């Protein structure tokens, strides 16, 4: 694997030493379980959204579309996330499995952060455009996703939606337009 990395990244320039290559390999190996969990959950959520949209559009939906801004994660998941994050620093298989769980919990808190943002944007003009830009930024800028996940992690601790104004009831379209 090392010759392939050296050939691809240009080892002749002296930047990619054996040590740097090994450090990169170790980092990617440690991050892979979290990346796999994040990618698979994202794909599953997109497929679920697409299927729900098609079912609702065709009139075959058996249940009303849920209001995304009401999503709440149980408070005990904060402990599970913290535990998986702490265990992810252990060596061996325990650390790798914990890294996968930490990635899955991170996506859950990202969703809760998005739900908080959906709550605070209810009834705002240009809401759809703002949310579209946010979703684009979450997908393509990792640091935005981390900030939104931290917001979601703060929701059970600080009760962000409980502190906010109640959404205007007359301005909410049917099931919040597929939040």
Protein backbone atom coordinates (compact mmCIF):
# COMPACT_ATOMS: atom_id res chain seq x y z
CA UNK A 1 0.00 0.00 0.00
CA UNK A 2 2.85 2.39 0.75
CA UNK A 3 4.21 2.37 -2.83
CA UNK A 4 0.73 3.17 -4.16
CA UNK A 5 0.37 6.13 -1.78
CA UNK A 6 3.87 7.33 -2.65
CA UNK A 7 3.21 7.09 -6.40
CA UNK A 8 -0.16 8.79 -6.13
CA UNK A 9 0.86 11.64 -3.86
CA UNK A 10 4.35 12.24 -5.18
CA UNK A 11 6.88 10.85 -2.73
CA UNK A 12 9.72 12.29 -4.80
CA UNK A 13 9.06 15.74 -3.37
CA UNK A 14 10.03 14.58 0.11
CA UNK A 15 6.71 15.51 1.70
CA UNK A 16 5.34 11.98 1.97
CA UNK A 17 7.85 10.17 4.09
CA UNK A 18 7.30 6.66 5.38
CA UNK A 19 6.26 8.10 8.74
CA UNK A 20 3.77 10.56 7.23
CA UNK A 21 2.28 7.82 5.08
CA UNK A 22 1.91 5.51 8.07
CA UNK A 23 0.27 8.28 10.11
CA UNK A 24 -2.21 8.91 7.28
CA UNK A 25 -2.98 5.19 7.04
CA UNK A 26 -3.60 4.96 10.79
CA UNK A 27 -5.84 8.04 10.75
CA UNK A 28 -7.92 6.71 7.86
CA UNK A 29 -8.17 3.28 9.50
CA UNK A 30 -9.41 4.82 12.76
CA UNK A 31 -11.93 7.09 11.00
CA UNK A 32 -13.35 4.47 8.63
CA UNK A 33 -16.01 3.00 10.98
CA UNK A 34 -17.47 6.46 11.69
CA UNK A 35 -17.40 7.37 8.00
CA UNK A 36 -19.18 4.14 7.07
CA UNK A 37 -21.88 4.73 9.70
CA UNK A 38 -22.37 8.35 8.60
CA UNK A 39 -22.56 7.49 4.89
CA UNK A 40 -24.95 4.57 5.33
CA UNK A 41 -27.30 6.46 7.63
CA UNK A 42 -27.28 9.44 5.26
CA UNK A 43 -28.13 7.19 2.30
CA UNK A 44 -30.90 5.46 4.27
CA UNK A 45 -32.39 8.81 5.35
CA UNK A 46 -32.31 10.13 1.79
CA UNK A 47 -34.01 6.97 0.52
CA UNK A 48 -36.64 7.23 3.26
CA UNK A 49 -37.31 10.88 2.40
CA UNK A 50 -37.52 10.06 -1.32
CA UNK A 51 -39.89 7.13 -0.75
CA UNK A 52 -42.10 9.22 1.55
CA UNK A 53 -42.21 12.05 -0.95
CA UNK A 54 -43.18 9.69 -3.77
CA UNK A 55 -45.80 7.95 -1.61
CA UNK A 56 -47.33 11.25 -0.52
CA UNK A 57 -47.24 12.67 -4.05
CA UNK A 58 -48.96 9.59 -5.47
CA UNK A 59 -51.58 9.54 -2.72
CA UNK A 60 -50.44 6.17 -1.38
CA UNK A 61 -49.01 7.38 1.92
CA UNK A 62 -50.56 5.43 4.78
CA UNK A 63 -49.65 8.01 7.41
CA UNK A 64 -49.20 11.78 7.44
CA UNK A 65 -45.70 13.11 6.96
CA UNK A 66 -44.09 13.74 10.38
CA UNK A 67 -43.17 17.27 11.40
CA UNK A 68 -39.38 17.27 11.38
CA UNK A 69 -39.13 20.23 13.72
CA UNK A 70 -40.60 18.11 16.54
CA UNK A 71 -37.82 15.48 16.45
CA UNK A 72 -36.45 14.79 19.94
CA UNK A 73 -33.69 12.40 20.88
CA UNK A 74 -33.91 10.81 24.35
CA UNK A 75 -31.64 12.50 26.88
CA UNK A 76 -29.93 9.21 27.74
CA UNK A 77 -28.33 9.24 24.27
CA UNK A 78 -26.00 12.01 25.44
CA UNK A 79 -24.43 9.48 27.80
CA UNK A 80 -24.27 6.82 25.07
CA UNK A 81 -22.62 9.29 22.68
CA UNK A 82 -20.10 10.41 25.31
CA UNK A 83 -19.31 6.79 26.18
CA UNK A 84 -18.81 5.78 22.55
CA UNK A 85 -16.67 8.86 21.95
CA UNK A 86 -14.49 8.04 24.98
CA UNK A 87 -14.18 4.37 24.00
CA UNK A 88 -13.22 5.32 20.44
CA UNK A 89 -9.78 6.32 21.74
CA UNK A 90 -9.07 2.77 22.91
CA UNK A 91 -6.84 0.62 20.71
CA UNK A 92 -8.01 -2.43 18.83
CA UNK A 93 -11.46 -3.61 17.89
CA UNK A 94 -13.17 -1.92 20.87
CA UNK A 95 -11.97 1.47 19.67
CA UNK A 96 -13.03 0.77 16.09
CA UNK A 97 -16.53 -0.38 17.07
CA UNK A 98 -16.93 2.60 19.39
CA UNK A 99 -15.86 4.90 16.53
CA UNK A 100 -18.68 3.48 14.40
CA UNK A 101 -21.19 4.10 17.17
CA UNK A 102 -19.86 7.62 17.70
CA UNK A 103 -20.38 8.35 14.00
CA UNK A 104 -23.96 7.06 14.17
CA UNK A 105 -24.71 9.13 17.27
CA UNK A 106 -23.15 12.16 15.59
CA UNK A 107 -25.63 11.83 12.72
CA UNK A 108 -28.49 11.57 15.23
CA UNK A 109 -27.41 14.82 16.86
CA UNK A 110 -26.95 16.42 13.45
CA UNK A 111 -30.60 15.56 12.74
CA UNK A 112 -31.66 17.03 16.06
CA UNK A 113 -29.68 20.19 15.29
CA UNK A 114 -31.45 20.41 11.93
CA UNK A 115 -34.78 19.96 13.74
CA UNK A 116 -33.92 22.91 16.01
CA UNK A 117 -33.11 25.03 12.96
CA UNK A 118 -36.36 23.92 11.29
CA UNK A 119 -38.22 24.98 14.45
CA UNK A 120 -36.68 28.45 14.53
CA UNK A 121 -37.27 29.04 10.82
CA UNK A 122 -41.00 28.20 10.89
CA UNK A 123 -42.97 31.02 9.31
CA UNK A 124 -39.88 32.90 8.10
CA UNK A 125 -39.79 34.33 4.61
CA UNK A 126 -37.33 32.53 2.32
CA UNK A 127 -37.31 29.57 4.70
CA UNK A 128 -36.97 27.04 1.90
CA UNK A 129 -33.98 28.85 0.40
CA UNK A 130 -32.29 29.18 3.80
CA UNK A 131 -32.79 25.50 4.56
CA UNK A 132 -31.57 24.51 1.09
CA UNK A 133 -28.35 26.47 1.60
CA UNK A 134 -27.96 24.94 5.06
CA UNK A 135 -28.45 21.38 3.77
CA UNK A 136 -25.96 22.03 0.95
CA UNK A 137 -23.44 23.36 3.48
CA UNK A 138 -24.00 20.38 5.79
CA UNK A 139 -23.40 17.94 2.93
CA UNK A 140 -20.34 19.62 1.47
CA UNK A 141 -18.72 21.48 4.38
CA UNK A 142 -17.93 19.18 7.28
CA UNK A 143 -17.42 21.98 9.77
CA UNK A 144 -21.01 23.18 9.25
CA UNK A 145 -22.26 19.67 10.02
CA UNK A 146 -20.20 19.63 13.22
CA UNK A 147 -21.65 22.99 14.32
CA UNK A 148 -25.21 21.79 13.63
CA UNK A 149 -24.49 18.54 15.52
CA UNK A 150 -23.22 20.56 18.49
CA UNK A 151 -26.45 22.56 18.34
CA UNK A 152 -28.37 19.27 18.40
CA UNK A 153 -26.27 18.05 21.31
CA UNK A 154 -27.11 21.23 23.20
CA UNK A 155 -30.87 20.79 22.71
CA UNK A 156 -31.45 18.25 25.52
CA UNK A 157 -29.08 20.13 27.82
CA UNK A 158 -30.34 23.68 27.26
CA UNK A 159 -33.87 23.11 25.91
CA UNK A 160 -33.32 25.41 22.93
CA UNK A 161 -36.76 24.87 21.40
CA UNK A 162 -38.50 25.34 24.75
CA UNK A 163 -36.80 28.73 25.10
CA UNK A 164 -37.82 29.84 21.62
CA UNK A 165 -41.08 31.36 20.56
CA UNK A 166 -43.87 28.97 19.71
CA UNK A 167 -44.19 28.61 15.95
CA UNK A 168 -47.06 30.58 14.43
CA UNK A 169 -49.86 28.06 14.00
CA UNK A 170 -51.63 29.70 11.05
CA UNK A 171 -48.44 30.02 8.95
CA UNK A 172 -47.43 26.37 9.09
CA UNK A 173 -48.37 24.62 5.85
CA UNK A 174 -49.64 21.04 5.74
CA UNK A 175 -47.14 18.97 7.74
CA UNK A 176 -44.46 21.63 7.36
CA UNK A 177 -43.90 20.90 3.65
CA UNK A 178 -41.83 17.74 4.10
CA UNK A 179 -39.38 19.03 6.67
